[in-house]
N, C-alpha and C. Protein backbone atom coordinates (compact mmCIF):
# COMPACT_ATOMS: atom_id res chain seq x y z
N MET A 1 1.67 -42.58 -28.85
CA MET A 1 2.46 -41.94 -29.88
C MET A 1 3.96 -42.50 -28.71
N ARG A 2 5.30 -42.70 -29.71
CA ARG A 2 6.05 -43.40 -29.48
C ARG A 2 7.24 -42.21 -28.68
N THR A 3 7.96 -42.01 -27.60
CA THR A 3 8.82 -41.28 -27.37
C THR A 3 10.36 -41.23 -26.63
N SER A 4 11.17 -40.55 -26.99
CA SER A 4 12.17 -40.90 -25.98
C SER A 4 12.40 -39.87 -24.83
N GLN A 5 13.11 -40.34 -23.31
CA GLN A 5 12.82 -39.36 -22.57
C GLN A 5 13.84 -38.16 -22.92
N ILE A 6 13.52 -37.17 -22.62
CA ILE A 6 14.40 -35.98 -22.58
C ILE A 6 14.73 -35.46 -20.83
N ILE A 7 15.83 -34.99 -20.70
CA ILE A 7 15.98 -34.45 -19.36
C ILE A 7 17.03 -33.73 -19.70
N ALA A 8 16.83 -32.25 -18.82
CA ALA A 8 17.57 -31.15 -18.97
C ALA A 8 17.62 -30.72 -17.59
N THR A 9 18.71 -30.00 -17.25
CA THR A 9 18.84 -29.26 -15.90
C THR A 9 19.26 -27.68 -16.14
N ALA A 10 18.51 -26.59 -15.53
CA ALA A 10 19.15 -25.39 -16.05
C ALA A 10 19.33 -24.31 -14.43
N SER A 11 20.04 -23.29 -15.00
CA SER A 11 20.26 -22.81 -13.72
C SER A 11 20.13 -21.18 -13.88
N ARG A 12 19.61 -20.25 -13.37
CA ARG A 12 19.75 -18.79 -13.64
C ARG A 12 19.99 -17.64 -12.15
N SER A 13 20.33 -16.64 -12.22
CA SER A 13 20.05 -15.94 -10.42
C SER A 13 18.77 -15.99 -10.30
N ASP A 14 18.88 -15.75 -9.03
CA ASP A 14 17.59 -15.28 -8.64
C ASP A 14 16.76 -13.92 -9.28
N ASP A 15 17.63 -12.84 -9.08
CA ASP A 15 16.84 -11.74 -9.88
C ASP A 15 17.23 -11.45 -10.93
N TYR A 16 17.91 -12.48 -11.54
CA TYR A 16 18.37 -11.99 -13.16
C TYR A 16 19.18 -10.57 -13.25
N GLY A 17 20.14 -9.78 -11.74
CA GLY A 17 21.03 -8.88 -11.91
C GLY A 17 20.06 -7.35 -11.86
N GLY A 18 18.95 -7.95 -10.98
CA GLY A 18 18.05 -6.17 -11.91
C GLY A 18 16.96 -5.65 -10.79
N PHE A 19 16.31 -6.41 -10.16
CA PHE A 19 15.14 -6.51 -9.75
C PHE A 19 15.22 -5.66 -8.08
N GLN A 20 16.09 -6.39 -7.12
CA GLN A 20 16.65 -6.13 -5.95
C GLN A 20 18.23 -5.95 -5.96
N GLN A 21 18.42 -4.43 -5.10
CA GLN A 21 20.05 -3.94 -5.18
C GLN A 21 20.23 -4.36 -3.56
N PRO A 22 21.37 -4.80 -3.84
CA PRO A 22 22.04 -5.44 -2.30
C PRO A 22 21.77 -4.63 -0.94
N TRP A 23 20.86 -3.59 -0.99
CA TRP A 23 20.79 -2.42 0.33
C TRP A 23 19.43 -2.97 0.09
N GLY A 24 18.87 -3.25 -0.61
CA GLY A 24 17.28 -3.68 -0.29
C GLY A 24 16.19 -2.67 -1.00
N LEU A 25 17.01 -1.46 -1.75
CA LEU A 25 16.02 -0.89 -2.46
C LEU A 25 15.53 -1.88 -3.83
N ALA A 26 14.40 -1.72 -4.44
CA ALA A 26 13.88 -2.15 -5.52
C ALA A 26 14.52 -1.04 -6.66
N TYR A 27 14.67 -1.96 -8.23
CA TYR A 27 14.90 -1.41 -9.14
C TYR A 27 14.00 -1.14 -9.89
N GLY A 28 13.71 -0.46 -10.81
CA GLY A 28 12.95 -0.65 -12.22
C GLY A 28 11.53 -1.43 -10.90
N ASP A 29 10.81 -1.18 -10.32
CA ASP A 29 9.89 -1.91 -9.81
C ASP A 29 8.67 -0.81 -9.90
N LEU A 30 7.32 -1.14 -10.13
CA LEU A 30 6.43 -0.62 -10.12
C LEU A 30 6.14 0.57 -9.78
N GLY A 31 5.84 1.80 -10.46
CA GLY A 31 5.29 3.27 -10.66
C GLY A 31 3.72 3.55 -11.21
N SER A 32 3.04 4.50 -10.52
CA SER A 32 1.81 5.00 -10.54
C SER A 32 1.60 6.07 -10.16
N VAL A 33 0.10 6.45 -10.82
CA VAL A 33 0.05 8.13 -10.73
C VAL A 33 -1.11 8.11 -11.09
N GLN A 34 -1.91 8.40 -9.94
CA GLN A 34 -3.68 8.94 -9.90
C GLN A 34 -3.67 9.94 -10.41
N PHE A 35 -5.05 10.29 -10.99
CA PHE A 35 -5.31 11.82 -10.85
C PHE A 35 -7.13 11.89 -10.67
N ALA A 36 -7.86 12.30 -9.43
CA ALA A 36 -9.43 11.96 -8.99
C ALA A 36 -9.83 13.65 -9.44
N GLU A 37 -11.21 13.51 -10.16
CA GLU A 37 -11.98 14.91 -10.30
C GLU A 37 -13.54 14.47 -9.26
N VAL A 38 -13.42 15.15 -8.62
CA VAL A 38 -14.00 15.31 -7.29
C VAL A 38 -15.47 16.60 -7.49
N SER A 39 -16.90 16.21 -6.83
CA SER A 39 -17.32 17.45 -6.67
C SER A 39 -17.85 17.18 -5.10
N VAL A 40 -17.73 18.38 -4.14
CA VAL A 40 -17.69 18.94 -3.00
C VAL A 40 -18.81 19.70 -2.58
N ASP A 41 -19.93 18.96 -1.91
CA ASP A 41 -21.14 20.22 -1.54
C ASP A 41 -21.05 20.35 -0.10
N THR A 42 -20.42 21.54 -0.05
CA THR A 42 -20.10 22.08 1.00
C THR A 42 -21.36 22.81 2.03
N GLU A 43 -22.47 22.08 1.50
CA GLU A 43 -23.75 22.59 2.52
C GLU A 43 -23.81 21.16 3.44
N THR A 44 -23.77 20.25 2.77
CA THR A 44 -23.95 18.98 3.47
C THR A 44 -22.86 18.01 3.48
N GLY A 45 -21.38 18.30 2.91
CA GLY A 45 -20.26 17.50 3.37
C GLY A 45 -20.19 16.45 2.16
N PHE A 46 -21.28 15.93 1.15
CA PHE A 46 -21.12 14.89 0.19
C PHE A 46 -19.90 15.01 -0.19
N VAL A 47 -19.17 14.09 -0.61
CA VAL A 47 -17.94 14.27 -2.11
C VAL A 47 -18.70 13.15 -3.21
N LYS A 48 -18.60 13.23 -3.85
CA LYS A 48 -18.74 12.47 -4.88
C LYS A 48 -17.53 12.75 -5.95
N VAL A 49 -16.76 11.61 -6.14
CA VAL A 49 -15.84 11.31 -6.93
C VAL A 49 -16.37 10.68 -8.79
N GLU A 50 -16.41 12.26 -9.31
CA GLU A 50 -16.45 12.17 -10.80
C GLU A 50 -15.98 11.45 -11.61
N LYS A 51 -14.31 11.13 -11.34
CA LYS A 51 -13.62 10.55 -12.49
C LYS A 51 -12.26 9.88 -11.53
N ILE A 52 -11.98 8.81 -12.26
CA ILE A 52 -10.27 8.93 -11.82
C ILE A 52 -9.38 8.47 -12.97
N VAL A 53 -8.08 9.33 -12.96
CA VAL A 53 -7.16 8.43 -14.02
C VAL A 53 -6.41 7.85 -13.62
N ALA A 54 -5.98 6.20 -13.44
CA ALA A 54 -4.95 6.05 -13.45
C ALA A 54 -3.73 5.36 -14.51
N ALA A 55 -2.72 5.64 -13.93
CA ALA A 55 -1.64 5.44 -14.73
C ALA A 55 -0.52 4.33 -14.37
N HIS A 56 -0.82 3.32 -14.86
CA HIS A 56 0.36 2.29 -14.37
C HIS A 56 1.28 1.78 -15.33
N SER A 57 2.30 1.54 -14.46
CA SER A 57 3.33 0.69 -14.76
C SER A 57 3.88 -0.57 -14.53
N CYS A 58 3.38 -1.79 -15.11
CA CYS A 58 3.38 -3.20 -14.60
C CYS A 58 3.98 -4.33 -15.29
N GLY A 59 5.31 -3.25 -16.48
CA GLY A 59 6.27 -4.44 -16.94
C GLY A 59 5.57 -4.76 -18.04
N ARG A 60 5.36 -6.23 -18.07
CA ARG A 60 4.70 -6.37 -19.11
C ARG A 60 3.36 -6.93 -19.12
N PRO A 61 2.33 -6.37 -19.55
CA PRO A 61 0.92 -7.10 -19.31
C PRO A 61 0.80 -8.27 -19.76
N LEU A 62 0.73 -9.17 -19.10
CA LEU A 62 0.32 -10.70 -19.75
C LEU A 62 -0.85 -10.87 -20.36
N ASN A 63 -1.83 -10.21 -19.87
CA ASN A 63 -3.26 -9.99 -20.37
C ASN A 63 -3.47 -8.56 -19.73
N LEU A 64 -4.00 -8.05 -20.72
CA LEU A 64 -4.25 -6.81 -20.54
C LEU A 64 -5.16 -6.28 -20.10
N ALA A 65 -6.92 -6.87 -20.59
CA ALA A 65 -8.14 -6.88 -19.87
C ALA A 65 -8.14 -7.40 -18.31
N GLN A 66 -7.19 -8.34 -18.10
CA GLN A 66 -7.13 -8.61 -16.50
C GLN A 66 -6.08 -7.74 -15.67
N VAL A 67 -5.40 -6.98 -16.32
CA VAL A 67 -4.50 -5.88 -15.86
C VAL A 67 -5.57 -4.78 -15.85
N GLU A 68 -6.32 -3.67 -16.82
CA GLU A 68 -7.20 -2.96 -16.44
C GLU A 68 -8.16 -3.66 -15.53
N SER A 69 -9.04 -4.32 -15.46
CA SER A 69 -9.49 -4.83 -14.42
C SER A 69 -9.15 -5.03 -12.84
N GLN A 70 -7.75 -5.28 -12.77
CA GLN A 70 -7.50 -5.42 -11.20
C GLN A 70 -7.25 -3.33 -11.15
N ILE A 71 -6.63 -3.16 -12.38
CA ILE A 71 -6.86 -1.55 -11.92
C ILE A 71 -7.62 -1.03 -11.14
N ASN A 72 -9.21 -1.23 -12.23
CA ASN A 72 -10.35 -1.09 -11.76
C ASN A 72 -10.98 -1.31 -10.44
N GLY A 73 -10.66 -2.54 -10.16
CA GLY A 73 -10.33 -2.71 -8.36
C GLY A 73 -10.45 -2.44 -7.45
N GLY A 74 -8.96 -2.12 -7.80
CA GLY A 74 -7.97 -1.11 -6.90
C GLY A 74 -8.19 0.08 -6.50
N VAL A 75 -9.02 0.80 -7.67
CA VAL A 75 -9.37 2.41 -7.74
C VAL A 75 -10.90 1.99 -6.47
N ILE A 76 -11.42 1.31 -7.08
CA ILE A 76 -12.85 1.07 -6.12
C ILE A 76 -12.61 0.79 -4.78
N GLN A 77 -11.55 0.06 -4.60
CA GLN A 77 -11.13 0.12 -3.02
C GLN A 77 -10.69 0.82 -2.32
N GLY A 78 -9.95 1.12 -3.02
CA GLY A 78 -9.46 2.77 -2.84
C GLY A 78 -10.05 3.89 -2.45
N MET A 79 -11.10 4.21 -3.46
CA MET A 79 -12.74 4.74 -3.13
C MET A 79 -13.10 4.71 -1.84
N SER A 80 -13.33 3.42 -1.51
CA SER A 80 -13.92 2.76 -0.35
C SER A 80 -13.27 3.28 0.77
N TYR A 81 -11.44 2.98 0.57
CA TYR A 81 -11.23 3.36 2.19
C TYR A 81 -11.11 4.71 2.17
N ALA A 82 -11.44 5.95 0.75
CA ALA A 82 -11.02 7.27 1.04
C ALA A 82 -12.51 8.33 1.65
N LEU A 83 -13.65 7.12 1.13
CA LEU A 83 -14.70 8.12 1.70
C LEU A 83 -15.63 6.93 2.70
N TYR A 84 -15.40 6.06 2.73
CA TYR A 84 -16.96 5.30 3.27
C TYR A 84 -16.14 3.90 4.44
N GLU A 85 -14.95 3.52 4.27
CA GLU A 85 -14.57 2.62 5.25
C GLU A 85 -14.24 2.81 6.44
N TYR A 86 -14.77 2.70 7.59
CA TYR A 86 -14.39 3.38 9.00
C TYR A 86 -14.46 2.35 9.89
N ARG A 87 -13.09 1.71 9.78
CA ARG A 87 -12.88 0.02 10.88
C ARG A 87 -12.48 0.36 12.47
N VAL A 88 -13.55 0.13 13.34
CA VAL A 88 -13.16 0.44 14.46
C VAL A 88 -12.24 -1.32 15.16
N MET A 89 -11.15 -0.71 15.05
CA MET A 89 -10.34 -2.11 15.76
C MET A 89 -10.19 -1.86 17.43
N ASP A 90 -9.89 -3.02 17.88
CA ASP A 90 -9.60 -2.96 19.72
C ASP A 90 -8.44 -3.94 19.28
N LYS A 91 -7.37 -2.25 19.47
CA LYS A 91 -6.00 -2.36 19.28
C LYS A 91 -5.32 -3.69 20.28
N PRO A 92 -5.56 -3.76 21.52
CA PRO A 92 -4.68 -5.14 21.81
C PRO A 92 -5.27 -6.18 21.25
N THR A 93 -6.41 -6.79 20.98
CA THR A 93 -6.48 -7.84 20.34
C THR A 93 -7.00 -7.79 19.25
N GLY A 94 -6.93 -7.09 17.76
CA GLY A 94 -6.81 -6.94 16.82
C GLY A 94 -8.10 -7.23 16.07
N PHE A 95 -9.16 -7.05 17.02
CA PHE A 95 -10.68 -7.36 16.64
C PHE A 95 -11.28 -6.83 15.97
N MET A 96 -12.41 -6.31 14.65
CA MET A 96 -13.13 -5.44 14.37
C MET A 96 -14.39 -5.35 15.44
N MET A 97 -14.30 -3.79 15.81
CA MET A 97 -15.20 -3.87 16.99
C MET A 97 -16.53 -3.23 16.14
N ASN A 98 -16.90 -2.93 14.91
CA ASN A 98 -17.77 -2.37 14.22
C ASN A 98 -19.40 -3.55 14.95
N ALA A 99 -20.50 -2.84 14.34
CA ALA A 99 -21.20 -3.53 15.27
C ALA A 99 -21.86 -4.70 14.20
N ASN A 100 -21.59 -4.22 13.10
CA ASN A 100 -21.66 -5.92 12.05
C ASN A 100 -21.76 -4.97 10.98
N VAL A 101 -21.99 -6.27 10.07
CA VAL A 101 -21.17 -5.71 8.51
C VAL A 101 -22.21 -4.65 7.71
N ASP A 102 -23.72 -4.61 7.94
CA ASP A 102 -24.43 -3.60 6.96
C ASP A 102 -24.36 -2.52 7.34
N GLN A 103 -23.33 -1.99 8.89
CA GLN A 103 -23.06 -1.12 8.93
C GLN A 103 -21.54 -0.19 8.50
N TYR A 104 -21.13 -1.30 7.83
CA TYR A 104 -19.56 -1.15 7.74
C TYR A 104 -19.74 -0.47 5.67
N LYS A 105 -19.73 0.64 5.88
CA LYS A 105 -20.28 1.32 4.32
C LYS A 105 -19.15 0.86 3.27
N MET A 106 -19.44 0.67 2.18
CA MET A 106 -18.72 0.40 0.79
C MET A 106 -19.39 1.45 -0.37
N PRO A 107 -18.70 1.47 -1.13
CA PRO A 107 -19.52 1.97 -2.24
C PRO A 107 -20.21 1.40 -3.08
N PHE A 108 -21.75 1.67 -3.24
CA PHE A 108 -22.66 1.13 -4.36
C PHE A 108 -22.27 1.44 -5.87
N SER A 109 -23.26 0.43 -6.12
CA SER A 109 -22.69 0.82 -8.12
C SER A 109 -22.61 2.28 -9.00
N MET A 110 -23.42 2.62 -8.13
CA MET A 110 -24.12 3.82 -8.20
C MET A 110 -22.90 5.30 -8.45
N GLU A 111 -22.03 4.78 -7.29
CA GLU A 111 -21.29 5.64 -6.54
C GLU A 111 -20.12 5.65 -7.77
N ILE A 112 -19.77 4.19 -8.02
CA ILE A 112 -18.33 4.46 -8.60
C ILE A 112 -18.11 5.21 -10.27
N PRO A 113 -17.20 6.20 -10.11
CA PRO A 113 -16.73 7.22 -10.87
C PRO A 113 -16.69 6.18 -12.43
N GLN A 114 -16.40 7.37 -13.13
CA GLN A 114 -15.55 7.12 -14.77
C GLN A 114 -14.83 6.42 -14.22
N ILE A 115 -13.80 5.59 -14.60
CA ILE A 115 -12.31 5.05 -14.33
C ILE A 115 -12.00 5.18 -15.57
N GLU A 116 -10.65 5.92 -16.22
CA GLU A 116 -9.38 5.76 -17.41
C GLU A 116 -8.02 4.86 -16.60
N THR A 117 -8.16 4.16 -17.03
CA THR A 117 -6.93 3.12 -16.87
C THR A 117 -5.83 3.25 -17.99
N ILE A 118 -4.81 3.26 -18.04
CA ILE A 118 -3.57 3.60 -18.63
C ILE A 118 -2.15 2.71 -18.38
N VAL A 119 -1.93 1.68 -19.41
CA VAL A 119 -1.31 0.77 -18.72
C VAL A 119 0.40 1.06 -19.18
N ILE A 120 1.47 1.17 -18.73
CA ILE A 120 2.48 1.74 -19.27
C ILE A 120 3.11 0.58 -19.58
N GLU A 121 3.94 0.24 -20.46
CA GLU A 121 4.42 -1.40 -20.63
C GLU A 121 5.70 -1.08 -20.60
N ASP A 122 6.86 -1.76 -19.52
CA ASP A 122 8.17 -1.62 -19.25
C ASP A 122 8.47 -2.95 -19.66
N TYR A 123 9.30 -2.93 -20.74
CA TYR A 123 10.04 -4.43 -21.15
C TYR A 123 11.87 -4.15 -20.52
N SER A 124 12.24 -4.64 -19.33
CA SER A 124 13.78 -3.97 -18.90
C SER A 124 14.42 -5.20 -19.44
N GLY A 125 13.76 -6.59 -19.33
CA GLY A 125 14.59 -7.92 -19.70
C GLY A 125 15.61 -8.04 -18.61
N THR A 126 14.77 -7.40 -17.15
CA THR A 126 15.64 -8.39 -15.92
C THR A 126 14.29 -9.25 -15.15
N SER A 127 13.82 -10.02 -15.88
CA SER A 127 12.65 -11.34 -15.28
C SER A 127 12.79 -12.21 -16.64
N SER A 128 12.35 -13.61 -16.90
CA SER A 128 11.95 -14.53 -17.57
C SER A 128 10.50 -13.61 -18.69
N THR A 129 9.72 -12.84 -17.54
CA THR A 129 8.73 -12.53 -18.78
C THR A 129 8.43 -11.00 -18.03
N ASP A 130 9.23 -9.81 -17.47
CA ASP A 130 9.37 -8.88 -17.07
C ASP A 130 7.66 -8.64 -17.12
N ALA A 131 6.74 -9.53 -16.27
CA ALA A 131 5.02 -9.16 -15.89
C ALA A 131 5.86 -8.40 -14.14
N TYR A 132 5.12 -7.52 -13.43
CA TYR A 132 4.75 -7.36 -12.23
C TYR A 132 3.17 -7.72 -12.05
N GLY A 133 3.03 -8.00 -10.36
CA GLY A 133 2.01 -7.78 -9.99
C GLY A 133 1.09 -6.57 -9.89
N ILE A 134 -0.10 -5.62 -10.09
CA ILE A 134 -1.19 -4.49 -10.03
C ILE A 134 -2.05 -4.35 -9.14
N GLY A 135 -1.98 -5.29 -8.18
CA GLY A 135 -2.94 -5.53 -7.07
C GLY A 135 -2.92 -4.16 -6.28
N GLU A 136 -1.77 -4.22 -5.36
CA GLU A 136 -2.21 -3.31 -4.14
C GLU A 136 -1.35 -1.37 -4.89
N PRO A 137 -0.66 -1.64 -6.10
CA PRO A 137 -0.28 -0.36 -6.06
C PRO A 137 -2.03 0.31 -6.77
N ALA A 138 -2.64 -0.04 -7.32
CA ALA A 138 -4.05 0.20 -8.06
C ALA A 138 -4.80 1.01 -7.03
N ASN A 139 -4.78 0.35 -5.75
CA ASN A 139 -5.38 1.26 -4.48
C ASN A 139 -5.15 1.75 -3.60
N ILE A 140 -3.44 1.77 -3.50
CA ILE A 140 -2.63 2.74 -3.06
C ILE A 140 -2.95 4.43 -3.32
N ALA A 141 -2.73 4.55 -4.35
CA ALA A 141 -3.11 5.88 -4.65
C ALA A 141 -4.12 6.26 -4.86
N THR A 142 -5.23 5.66 -4.90
CA THR A 142 -6.29 5.75 -4.99
C THR A 142 -6.86 7.52 -3.52
N ALA A 143 -6.72 6.54 -2.49
CA ALA A 143 -7.19 7.68 -1.59
C ALA A 143 -6.84 8.77 -1.40
N VAL A 144 -5.24 8.73 -1.46
CA VAL A 144 -4.29 10.06 -1.91
C VAL A 144 -4.87 11.46 -3.15
N ALA A 145 -5.32 10.37 -3.79
CA ALA A 145 -5.57 11.37 -4.95
C ALA A 145 -7.26 11.82 -4.88
N ILE A 146 -8.11 11.15 -4.46
CA ILE A 146 -9.41 11.72 -3.69
C ILE A 146 -9.00 12.92 -2.63
N ALA A 147 -7.91 12.73 -1.92
CA ALA A 147 -7.92 13.76 -0.83
C ALA A 147 -7.07 14.92 -1.18
N ASN A 148 -6.30 14.65 -2.22
CA ASN A 148 -6.21 15.79 -2.55
C ASN A 148 -7.11 16.26 -3.41
N ALA A 149 -7.83 16.15 -4.11
CA ALA A 149 -8.79 16.89 -4.88
C ALA A 149 -9.94 17.33 -4.12
N VAL A 150 -10.06 16.93 -2.74
CA VAL A 150 -11.09 17.52 -1.94
C VAL A 150 -10.39 18.63 -1.22
N TYR A 151 -9.14 18.45 -1.03
CA TYR A 151 -8.30 19.64 -0.63
C TYR A 151 -8.56 20.76 -1.91
N ASN A 152 -8.48 20.49 -2.98
CA ASN A 152 -8.07 21.15 -4.11
C ASN A 152 -9.26 21.98 -4.00
N ALA A 153 -10.96 21.01 -4.44
CA ALA A 153 -12.21 21.62 -4.21
C ALA A 153 -12.53 22.51 -3.11
N ILE A 154 -12.05 22.43 -1.85
CA ILE A 154 -12.47 23.07 -0.96
C ILE A 154 -11.21 23.91 0.15
N GLY A 155 -10.43 23.80 -0.36
CA GLY A 155 -9.05 24.49 -0.03
C GLY A 155 -8.62 24.04 1.81
N VAL A 156 -9.01 23.40 2.27
CA VAL A 156 -8.84 22.42 3.78
C VAL A 156 -8.42 20.99 3.33
N ARG A 157 -7.19 20.98 3.95
CA ARG A 157 -6.94 19.36 4.23
C ARG A 157 -7.29 18.94 4.98
N ILE A 158 -7.66 17.51 4.57
CA ILE A 158 -8.43 16.57 5.49
C ILE A 158 -7.44 15.27 5.73
N PHE A 159 -6.75 15.40 7.06
CA PHE A 159 -5.66 14.49 7.52
C PHE A 159 -6.17 12.87 7.78
N GLU A 160 -7.46 12.29 7.76
CA GLU A 160 -8.38 11.45 8.37
C GLU A 160 -9.06 10.85 7.31
N ILE A 161 -8.94 9.59 6.68
CA ILE A 161 -10.04 8.58 6.23
C ILE A 161 -10.69 8.13 6.99
N PRO A 162 -12.19 7.40 6.21
CA PRO A 162 -12.47 8.09 5.84
C PRO A 162 -12.66 9.23 5.93
N MET A 163 -12.94 10.30 4.57
CA MET A 163 -13.34 11.36 4.31
C MET A 163 -14.78 11.75 4.45
N THR A 164 -15.59 11.65 5.79
CA THR A 164 -16.94 11.73 5.89
C THR A 164 -17.68 12.78 5.65
N PRO A 165 -18.98 13.27 5.39
CA PRO A 165 -19.74 14.68 5.83
C PRO A 165 -19.23 15.10 6.68
N ALA A 166 -19.48 13.71 7.80
CA ALA A 166 -19.33 15.16 8.86
C ALA A 166 -17.83 15.66 9.34
N ARG A 167 -16.80 14.76 8.69
CA ARG A 167 -15.15 15.48 8.52
C ARG A 167 -15.24 16.85 7.84
N ILE A 168 -15.96 16.69 6.68
CA ILE A 168 -15.90 17.82 5.57
C ILE A 168 -16.40 18.37 6.14
N LEU A 169 -17.65 18.30 7.15
CA LEU A 169 -17.81 20.21 7.55
C LEU A 169 -17.13 20.67 8.62
N LYS A 170 -16.66 19.28 9.62
CA LYS A 170 -16.33 20.29 10.75
C LYS A 170 -14.51 20.98 9.79
N ALA A 171 -14.25 20.06 9.03
CA ALA A 171 -12.93 21.32 8.42
C ALA A 171 -13.37 22.50 7.81
N LEU A 172 -14.50 22.34 7.42
CA LEU A 172 -15.11 23.53 7.11
C LEU A 172 -15.66 24.77 7.77
N ASN A 173 -15.87 24.44 9.21
CA ASN A 173 -16.42 25.06 10.43
C ASN A 173 -17.86 25.19 10.51
N LYS A 174 -18.41 24.32 9.80
CA LYS A 174 -19.38 24.61 9.46
C LYS A 174 -20.76 22.99 10.39
N VAL A 175 -19.61 23.01 12.04
CA VAL A 175 -20.80 22.21 12.31
C VAL A 175 -20.69 22.47 14.07
């Protein structure tokens, strides 16, 4: 197919006049909120996450199924932080001191709760696509939501993660 050459040059400002303010605070960045429903066995200290509702603003979702999948993965990772993952680090070297990976606990598929995702679309017109990332915001709020739900269930605030059965029982003065 015969064609002729087309050459064009364009320019635009780096932030479209909206994403970042001069003093470094974000403008119109991501926002999210999560809620957790848990049951706590006060005899064993075992926490079961029944349901997570995760509402996230991510600008324009270019692929809704992918965004929802990313939120689900973030929720599972956040749940793992909250209840299972106990990483022992050597502070001077930064090496992981856990004996081995099979003792590094993470949730199994049977422990994954019902996850309800709510994607809030926001078209601010401050970038060429209005799309934002969703990876980190999805897991950051989960551990906090679970900790608050545990507090509401047992009436005692747990300040350390993972919230293991031993820590729950200690907080309830049952150890």
